[in-house]
Amino acid sequence: MEQLLELIDQYGYIALYGLLALGIVGLPVPDEILMTTVGSLTVGENPLLSFCTSFLVSFGGAMTGMLVSYFLGKKVGKPFLYKFGKWVKLTPERLAIAEGWFKKYGLWTVAFGYYVPGIRHFTCYLAGVSNVSFWRYLLYAGSGALVWAATFLTLGHVIGVNAPAIMEMVHHYMGLSVSILAVIVAIVLYGYWRYRKRRRSCSI
């Protein structure tokens, strides 16, 4: 993740666009983490990135990846994905899951598949393989990309704005949380010890 942030710091919106496009195609890019982090970079007196520009670039990057995947699916078909998909983590097992979803929910899988890592990459390819109308695909894919980009950018922005308060709360309640966890573990261990002791006495 640090390397991705270095790319964004060095190349700005170009890096953001390219990373999201490649992530949707199937390369191992942590899209949600990246988007949330980018959202957090849009806050402060001198933010590194603009929220509106980041949103437009993120939407464009996601749509580029989805269009590339759609046309690849349309041109090369499923056998190609089975043979070479593993190089970008498009395994046959994941493809089978995505195909089941696609048969059941149709293009809604494309719209909401963004939120399912490991599945969203396949839905675009399958839309192309299934010869779905380009304009119908564009409508569902575009709607999904719009909501997805807005969701994670806004989440990161809100977290960024409230980061000091969140860190203070975590610090304040950390000791209490650890104490509660220790008590729970102690109770579980005591219960297990009593259970084992009772079993040994019964066996005698």
C-alpha atoms as a PDB file:
ATOM      1  CA  MET A   1       0.000   0.000   0.000  1.00  0.00           C
ATOM      2  CA  GLU A   2       2.889   2.371   0.750  1.00  0.00           C
ATOM      3  CA  GLN A   3       4.149   1.933  -2.804  1.00  0.00           C
ATOM      4  CA  LEU A   4       0.715   2.861  -4.164  1.00  0.00           C
ATOM      5  CA  LEU A   5       0.662   5.996  -2.024  1.00  0.00           C
ATOM      6  CA  GLU A   6       4.133   6.889  -3.257  1.00  0.00           C
ATOM      7  CA  LEU A   7       2.869   6.592  -6.838  1.00  0.00           C
ATOM      8  CA  ILE A   8      -0.070   8.875  -6.068  1.00  0.00           C
ATOM      9  CA  ASP A   9       2.204  11.321  -4.267  1.00  0.00           C
ATOM     10  CA  GLN A  10       4.535  11.391  -7.269  1.00  0.00           C
ATOM     11  CA  TYR A  11       2.114  11.183 -10.205  1.00  0.00           C
ATOM     12  CA  GLY A  12      -1.141  12.350  -8.630  1.00  0.00           C
ATOM     13  CA  TYR A  13      -4.365  11.737 -10.500  1.00  0.00           C
ATOM     14  CA  ILE A  14      -2.643   9.864 -13.346  1.00  0.00           C
ATOM     15  CA  ALA A  15      -1.502   7.189 -10.879  1.00  0.00           C
ATOM     16  CA  LEU A  16      -4.977   7.027  -9.308  1.00  0.00           C
ATOM     17  CA  TYR A  17      -6.598   6.562 -12.709  1.00  0.00           C
ATOM     18  CA  GLY A  18      -4.149   3.861 -13.801  1.00  0.00           C
ATOM     19  CA  LEU A  19      -4.262   1.906 -10.536  1.00  0.00           C
ATOM     20  CA  LEU A  20      -8.056   1.737 -10.502  1.00  0.00           C
ATOM     21  CA  ALA A  21      -8.237   0.746 -14.156  1.00  0.00           C
ATOM     22  CA  LEU A  22      -5.707  -2.059 -13.629  1.00  0.00           C
ATOM     23  CA  GLY A  23      -7.386  -3.129 -10.386  1.00  0.00           C
ATOM     24  CA  ILE A  24     -10.751  -3.584 -12.095  1.00  0.00           C
ATOM     25  CA  VAL A  25      -9.127  -5.564 -14.923  1.00  0.00           C
ATOM     26  CA  GLY A  26      -7.800  -7.981 -12.316  1.00  0.00           C
ATOM     27  CA  LEU A  27      -4.366  -6.936 -11.102  1.00  0.00           C
ATOM     28  CA  PRO A  28      -3.883  -7.167  -7.301  1.00  0.00           C
ATOM     29  CA  VAL A  29      -4.677  -3.556  -6.374  1.00  0.00           C
ATOM     30  CA  PRO A  30      -6.517  -3.037  -3.031  1.00  0.00           C
ATOM     31  CA  ASP A  31      -9.175  -0.831  -4.611  1.00  0.00           C
ATOM     32  CA  GLU A  32     -11.340  -0.099  -1.546  1.00  0.00           C
ATOM     33  CA  ILE A  33      -8.349   0.668   0.677  1.00  0.00           C
ATOM     34  CA  LEU A  34      -6.875   2.828  -2.056  1.00  0.00           C
ATOM     35  CA  MET A  35     -10.119   4.758  -2.531  1.00  0.00           C
ATOM     36  CA  THR A  36     -10.639   5.275   1.204  1.00  0.00           C
ATOM     37  CA  THR A  37      -7.057   6.484   1.571  1.00  0.00           C
ATOM     38  CA  VAL A  38      -7.467   8.862  -1.361  1.00  0.00           C
ATOM     39  CA  GLY A  39     -10.619  10.211   0.294  1.00  0.00           C
ATOM     40  CA  SER A  40      -8.625  10.921   3.463  1.00  0.00           C
ATOM     41  CA  LEU A  41      -6.118  12.902   1.387  1.00  0.00           C
ATOM     42  CA  THR A  42      -8.830  15.366   0.356  1.00  0.00           C
ATOM     43  CA  VAL A  43      -9.124  16.974   3.802  1.00  0.00           C
ATOM     44  CA  GLY A  44      -7.098  19.590   5.673  1.00  0.00           C
ATOM     45  CA  GLU A  45      -6.048  23.163   5.029  1.00  0.00           C
ATOM     46  CA  ASN A  46      -3.822  22.132   2.118  1.00  0.00           C
ATOM     47  CA  PRO A  47      -5.187  18.787   0.910  1.00  0.00           C
ATOM     48  CA  LEU A  48      -3.003  16.712  -1.365  1.00  0.00           C
ATOM     49  CA  LEU A  49      -5.955  15.934  -3.642  1.00  0.00           C
ATOM     50  CA  SER A  50      -9.279  17.532  -4.540  1.00  0.00           C
ATOM     51  CA  PHE A  51     -12.380  15.518  -3.629  1.00  0.00           C
ATOM     52  CA  CYS A  52     -14.291  16.388  -6.819  1.00  0.00           C
ATOM     53  CA  THR A  53     -11.331  15.731  -9.110  1.00  0.00           C
ATOM     54  CA  SER A  54     -10.536  12.478  -7.265  1.00  0.00           C
ATOM     55  CA  PHE A  55     -14.136  11.380  -7.726  1.00  0.00           C
ATOM     56  CA  LEU A  56     -14.113  12.075 -11.476  1.00  0.00           C
ATOM     57  CA  VAL A  57     -10.717  10.410 -11.947  1.00  0.00           C
ATOM     58  CA  SER A  58     -11.746   7.387  -9.854  1.00  0.00           C
ATOM     59  CA  PHE A  59     -14.969   7.004 -11.802  1.00  0.00           C
ATOM     60  CA  GLY A  60     -13.049   7.269 -15.079  1.00  0.00           C
ATOM     61  CA  GLY A  61     -10.449   4.729 -13.971  1.00  0.00           C
ATOM     62  CA  ALA A  62     -13.063   2.225 -12.807  1.00  0.00           C
ATOM     63  CA  MET A  63     -15.060   2.601 -16.021  1.00  0.00           C
ATOM     64  CA  THR A  64     -11.939   2.189 -18.150  1.00  0.00           C
ATOM     65  CA  GLY A  65     -11.150  -1.076 -16.389  1.00  0.00           C
ATOM     66  CA  MET A  66     -14.721  -2.276 -16.806  1.00  0.00           C
ATOM     67  CA  LEU A  67     -14.801  -1.439 -20.498  1.00  0.00           C
ATOM     68  CA  VAL A  68     -11.460  -3.164 -21.115  1.00  0.00           C
ATOM     69  CA  SER A  69     -12.731  -6.259 -19.283  1.00  0.00           C
ATOM     70  CA  TYR A  70     -16.022  -6.210 -21.205  1.00  0.00           C
ATOM     71  CA  PHE A  71     -14.339  -6.058 -24.620  1.00  0.00           C
ATOM     72  CA  LEU A  72     -11.757  -8.673 -23.641  1.00  0.00           C
ATOM     73  CA  GLY A  73     -14.570 -11.011 -22.611  1.00  0.00           C
ATOM     74  CA  LYS A  74     -16.363 -10.287 -25.875  1.00  0.00           C
ATOM     75  CA  LYS A  75     -13.280 -10.961 -28.003  1.00  0.00           C
ATOM     76  CA  VAL A  76     -11.415 -13.786 -26.262  1.00  0.00           C
ATOM     77  CA  GLY A  77     -14.228 -15.661 -24.489  1.00  0.00           C
ATOM     78  CA  LYS A  78     -14.290 -17.916 -21.447  1.00  0.00           C
ATOM     79  CA  PRO A  79     -11.653 -20.498 -22.546  1.00  0.00           C
ATOM     80  CA  PHE A  80      -9.051 -17.717 -22.624  1.00  0.00           C
ATOM     81  CA  LEU A  81     -10.026 -16.668 -19.088  1.00  0.00           C
ATOM     82  CA  TYR A  82      -9.726 -20.229 -17.823  1.00  0.00           C
ATOM     83  CA  LYS A  83      -6.300 -20.556 -19.401  1.00  0.00           C
ATOM     84  CA  PHE A  84      -4.676 -17.223 -18.609  1.00  0.00           C
ATOM     85  CA  GLY A  85      -6.902 -15.676 -15.933  1.00  0.00           C
ATOM     86  CA  LYS A  86      -4.849 -17.182 -13.104  1.00  0.00           C
ATOM     87  CA  TRP A  87      -2.061 -14.718 -13.885  1.00  0.00           C
ATOM     88  CA  VAL A  88      -4.295 -11.885 -12.685  1.00  0.00           C
ATOM     89  CA  LYS A  89      -6.010 -13.960  -9.969  1.00  0.00           C
ATOM     90  CA  LEU A  90      -9.031 -14.765 -12.137  1.00  0.00           C
ATOM     91  CA  THR A  91      -9.152 -18.379 -10.992  1.00  0.00           C
ATOM     92  CA  PRO A  92     -11.673 -20.931 -12.351  1.00  0.00           C
ATOM     93  CA  GLU A  93     -13.242 -21.212  -8.871  1.00  0.00           C
ATOM     94  CA  ARG A  94     -13.944 -17.478  -8.708  1.00  0.00           C
ATOM     95  CA  LEU A  95     -15.132 -17.487 -12.281  1.00  0.00           C
ATOM     96  CA  ALA A  96     -17.647 -20.238 -11.460  1.00  0.00           C
ATOM     97  CA  ILE A  97     -19.002 -18.230  -8.501  1.00  0.00           C
ATOM     98  CA  ALA A  98     -19.297 -15.071 -10.584  1.00  0.00           C
ATOM     99  CA  GLU A  99     -20.968 -16.998 -13.401  1.00  0.00           C
ATOM    100  CA  GLY A 100     -23.572 -18.357 -10.977  1.00  0.00           C
ATOM    101  CA  TRP A 101     -24.288 -14.842  -9.749  1.00  0.00           C
ATOM    102  CA  PHE A 102     -24.468 -13.537 -13.287  1.00  0.00           C
ATOM    103  CA  LYS A 103     -26.967 -16.199 -14.348  1.00  0.00           C
ATOM    104  CA  LYS A 104     -29.106 -15.497 -11.287  1.00  0.00           C
ATOM    105  CA  TYR A 105     -29.029 -11.697 -11.133  1.00  0.00           C
ATOM    106  CA  GLY A 106     -27.990 -10.674 -14.635  1.00  0.00           C
ATOM    107  CA  LEU A 107     -26.528  -7.193 -15.060  1.00  0.00           C
ATOM    108  CA  TRP A 108     -27.312  -6.318 -11.451  1.00  0.00           C
ATOM    109  CA  THR A 109     -24.252  -8.427 -10.703  1.00  0.00           C
ATOM    110  CA  VAL A 110     -22.192  -5.892 -12.633  1.00  0.00           C
ATOM    111  CA  ALA A 111     -23.702  -2.954 -10.739  1.00  0.00           C
ATOM    112  CA  PHE A 112     -23.252  -4.421  -7.258  1.00  0.00           C
ATOM    113  CA  GLY A 113     -20.265  -6.641  -8.013  1.00  0.00           C
ATOM    114  CA  TYR A 114     -17.987  -3.683  -7.272  1.00  0.00           C
ATOM    115  CA  TYR A 115     -18.489  -4.340  -3.586  1.00  0.00           C
ATOM    116  CA  VAL A 116     -17.335  -7.963  -3.768  1.00  0.00           C
ATOM    117  CA  PRO A 117     -13.534  -8.250  -4.162  1.00  0.00           C
ATOM    118  CA  GLY A 118     -12.557 -11.175  -6.356  1.00  0.00           C
ATOM    119  CA  ILE A 119     -15.962 -11.190  -8.046  1.00  0.00           C
ATOM    120  CA  ARG A 120     -16.242  -7.741  -9.612  1.00  0.00           C
ATOM    121  CA  HIS A 121     -13.421  -8.506 -12.033  1.00  0.00           C
ATOM    122  CA  PHE A 122     -15.307 -11.465 -13.478  1.00  0.00           C
ATOM    123  CA  THR A 123     -18.691  -9.822 -13.905  1.00  0.00           C
ATOM    124  CA  CYS A 124     -17.302  -7.490 -16.565  1.00  0.00           C
ATOM    125  CA  TYR A 125     -15.688 -10.318 -18.505  1.00  0.00           C
ATOM    126  CA  LEU A 126     -18.848 -12.414 -18.263  1.00  0.00           C
ATOM    127  CA  ALA A 127     -20.971  -9.551 -19.587  1.00  0.00           C
ATOM    128  CA  GLY A 128     -18.737  -9.502 -22.649  1.00  0.00           C
ATOM    129  CA  VAL A 129     -18.723 -13.295 -22.986  1.00  0.00           C
ATOM    130  CA  SER A 130     -22.542 -13.284 -22.795  1.00  0.00           C
ATOM    131  CA  ASN A 131     -22.768 -10.686 -25.585  1.00  0.00           C
ATOM    132  CA  VAL A 132     -24.751  -8.312 -23.393  1.00  0.00           C
ATOM    133  CA  SER A 133     -25.758  -5.141 -25.245  1.00  0.00           C
ATOM    134  CA  PHE A 134     -22.984  -2.566 -24.857  1.00  0.00           C
ATOM    135  CA  TRP A 135     -25.336   0.273 -23.913  1.00  0.00           C
ATOM    136  CA  ARG A 136     -27.143  -1.828 -21.299  1.00  0.00           C
ATOM    137  CA  TYR A 137     -23.789  -2.855 -19.879  1.00  0.00           C
ATOM    138  CA  LEU A 138     -22.641   0.761 -19.843  1.00  0.00           C
ATOM    139  CA  LEU A 139     -25.756   1.796 -17.892  1.00  0.00           C
ATOM    140  CA  TYR A 140     -25.333  -0.817 -15.164  1.00  0.00           C
ATOM    141  CA  ALA A 141     -21.550  -0.594 -15.001  1.00  0.00           C
ATOM    142  CA  GLY A 142     -21.638   3.203 -14.913  1.00  0.00           C
ATOM    143  CA  SER A 143     -24.262   3.293 -12.159  1.00  0.00           C
ATOM    144  CA  GLY A 144     -22.280   0.835 -10.059  1.00  0.00           C
ATOM    145  CA  ALA A 145     -18.998   2.698 -10.581  1.00  0.00           C
ATOM    146  CA  LEU A 146     -20.629   6.000  -9.649  1.00  0.00           C
ATOM    147  CA  VAL A 147     -22.006   4.738  -6.341  1.00  0.00           C
ATOM    148  CA  TRP A 148     -18.886   2.699  -5.534  1.00  0.00           C
ATOM    149  CA  ALA A 149     -16.487   5.602  -6.088  1.00  0.00           C
ATOM    150  CA  ALA A 150     -18.673   8.012  -4.117  1.00  0.00           C
ATOM    151  CA  THR A 151     -19.053   5.540  -1.219  1.00  0.00           C
ATOM    152  CA  PHE A 152     -15.375   4.873  -0.521  1.00  0.00           C
ATOM    153  CA  LEU A 153     -14.135   8.377  -1.292  1.00  0.00           C
ATOM    154  CA  THR A 154     -16.728   9.836   1.088  1.00  0.00           C
ATOM    155  CA  LEU A 155     -15.848   7.246   3.733  1.00  0.00           C
ATOM    156  CA  GLY A 156     -12.182   8.204   3.506  1.00  0.00           C
ATOM    157  CA  HIS A 157     -13.044  11.907   3.549  1.00  0.00           C
ATOM    158  CA  VAL A 158     -15.185  11.525   6.690  1.00  0.00           C
ATOM    159  CA  ILE A 159     -12.499   9.447   8.403  1.00  0.00           C
ATOM    160  CA  GLY A 160      -9.883  12.043   7.442  1.00  0.00           C
ATOM    161  CA  VAL A 161     -11.907  14.913   8.861  1.00  0.00           C
ATOM    162  CA  ASN A 162     -12.554  13.062  12.111  1.00  0.00           C
ATOM    163  CA  ALA A 163      -9.180  11.302  12.391  1.00  0.00           C
ATOM    164  CA  PRO A 164      -8.071  13.195  15.564  1.00  0.00           C
ATOM    165  CA  ALA A 165     -11.360  12.427  17.339  1.00  0.00           C
ATOM    166  CA  ILE A 166     -11.264   8.786  16.207  1.00  0.00           C
ATOM    167  CA  MET A 167      -7.677   8.338  17.421  1.00  0.00           C
ATOM    168  CA  GLU A 168      -8.512   9.975  20.779  1.00  0.00           C
ATOM    169  CA  MET A 169     -11.514   7.668  21.193  1.00  0.00           C
ATOM    170  CA  VAL A 170      -9.450   4.592  20.299  1.00  0.00           C
ATOM    171  CA  HIS A 171      -6.740   5.635  22.750  1.00  0.00           C
ATOM    172  CA  HIS A 172      -9.318   6.337  25.477  1.00  0.00           C
ATOM    173  CA  TYR A 173     -11.162   3.045  25.127  1.00  0.00           C
ATOM    174  CA  MET A 174      -8.189   0.860  24.250  1.00  0.00           C
ATOM    175  CA  GLY A 175      -7.385   0.071  27.888  1.00  0.00           C
ATOM    176  CA  LEU A 176     -11.027  -0.704  28.657  1.00  0.00           C
ATOM    177  CA  SER A 177     -11.327  -2.941  25.583  1.00  0.00           C
ATOM    178  CA  VAL A 178      -8.194  -4.891  26.503  1.00  0.00           C
ATOM    179  CA  SER A 179      -9.469  -5.359  30.075  1.00  0.00           C
ATOM    180  CA  ILE A 180     -12.853  -6.649  28.876  1.00  0.00           C
ATOM    181  CA  LEU A 181     -11.158  -9.002  26.446  1.00  0.00           C
ATOM    182  CA  ALA A 182      -8.889 -10.328  29.198  1.00  0.00           C
ATOM    183  CA  VAL A 183     -11.897 -10.994  31.453  1.00  0.00           C
ATOM    184  CA  ILE A 184     -13.723 -12.827  28.648  1.00  0.00           C
ATOM    185  CA  VAL A 185     -10.668 -14.982  27.903  1.00  0.00           C
ATOM    186  CA  ALA A 186     -10.263 -15.761  31.619  1.00  0.00           C
ATOM    187  CA  ILE A 187     -13.924 -16.815  31.916  1.00  0.00           C
ATOM    188  CA  VAL A 188     -13.652 -19.052  28.842  1.00  0.00           C
ATOM    189  CA  LEU A 189     -10.461 -20.686  30.128  1.00  0.00           C
ATOM    190  CA  TYR A 190     -11.977 -21.211  33.582  1.00  0.00           C
ATOM    191  CA  GLY A 191     -15.091 -22.767  32.049  1.00  0.00           C
ATOM    192  CA  TYR A 192     -12.965 -25.079  29.918  1.00  0.00           C
ATOM    193  CA  TRP A 193     -10.876 -26.083  32.948  1.00  0.00           C
ATOM    194  CA  ARG A 194     -14.030 -26.889  34.957  1.00  0.00           C
ATOM    195  CA  TYR A 195     -15.410 -28.889  32.030  1.00  0.00           C
ATOM    196  CA  ARG A 196     -12.220 -30.947  31.724  1.00  0.00           C
ATOM    197  CA  LYS A 197     -12.104 -31.507  35.484  1.00  0.00           C
ATOM    198  CA  ARG A 198     -15.720 -32.712  35.541  1.00  0.00           C
ATOM    199  CA  ARG A 199     -15.071 -35.116  32.655  1.00  0.00           C
ATOM    200  CA  ARG A 200     -12.047 -36.601  34.416  1.00  0.00           C
ATOM    201  CA  SER A 201     -14.006 -37.099  37.650  1.00  0.00           C
ATOM    202  CA  CYS A 202     -16.864 -38.793  35.772  1.00  0.00           C
ATOM    203  CA  SER A 203     -14.506 -41.157  33.971  1.00  0.00           C
ATOM    204  CA  ILE A 204     -13.065 -42.263  37.317  1.00  0.00           C
END
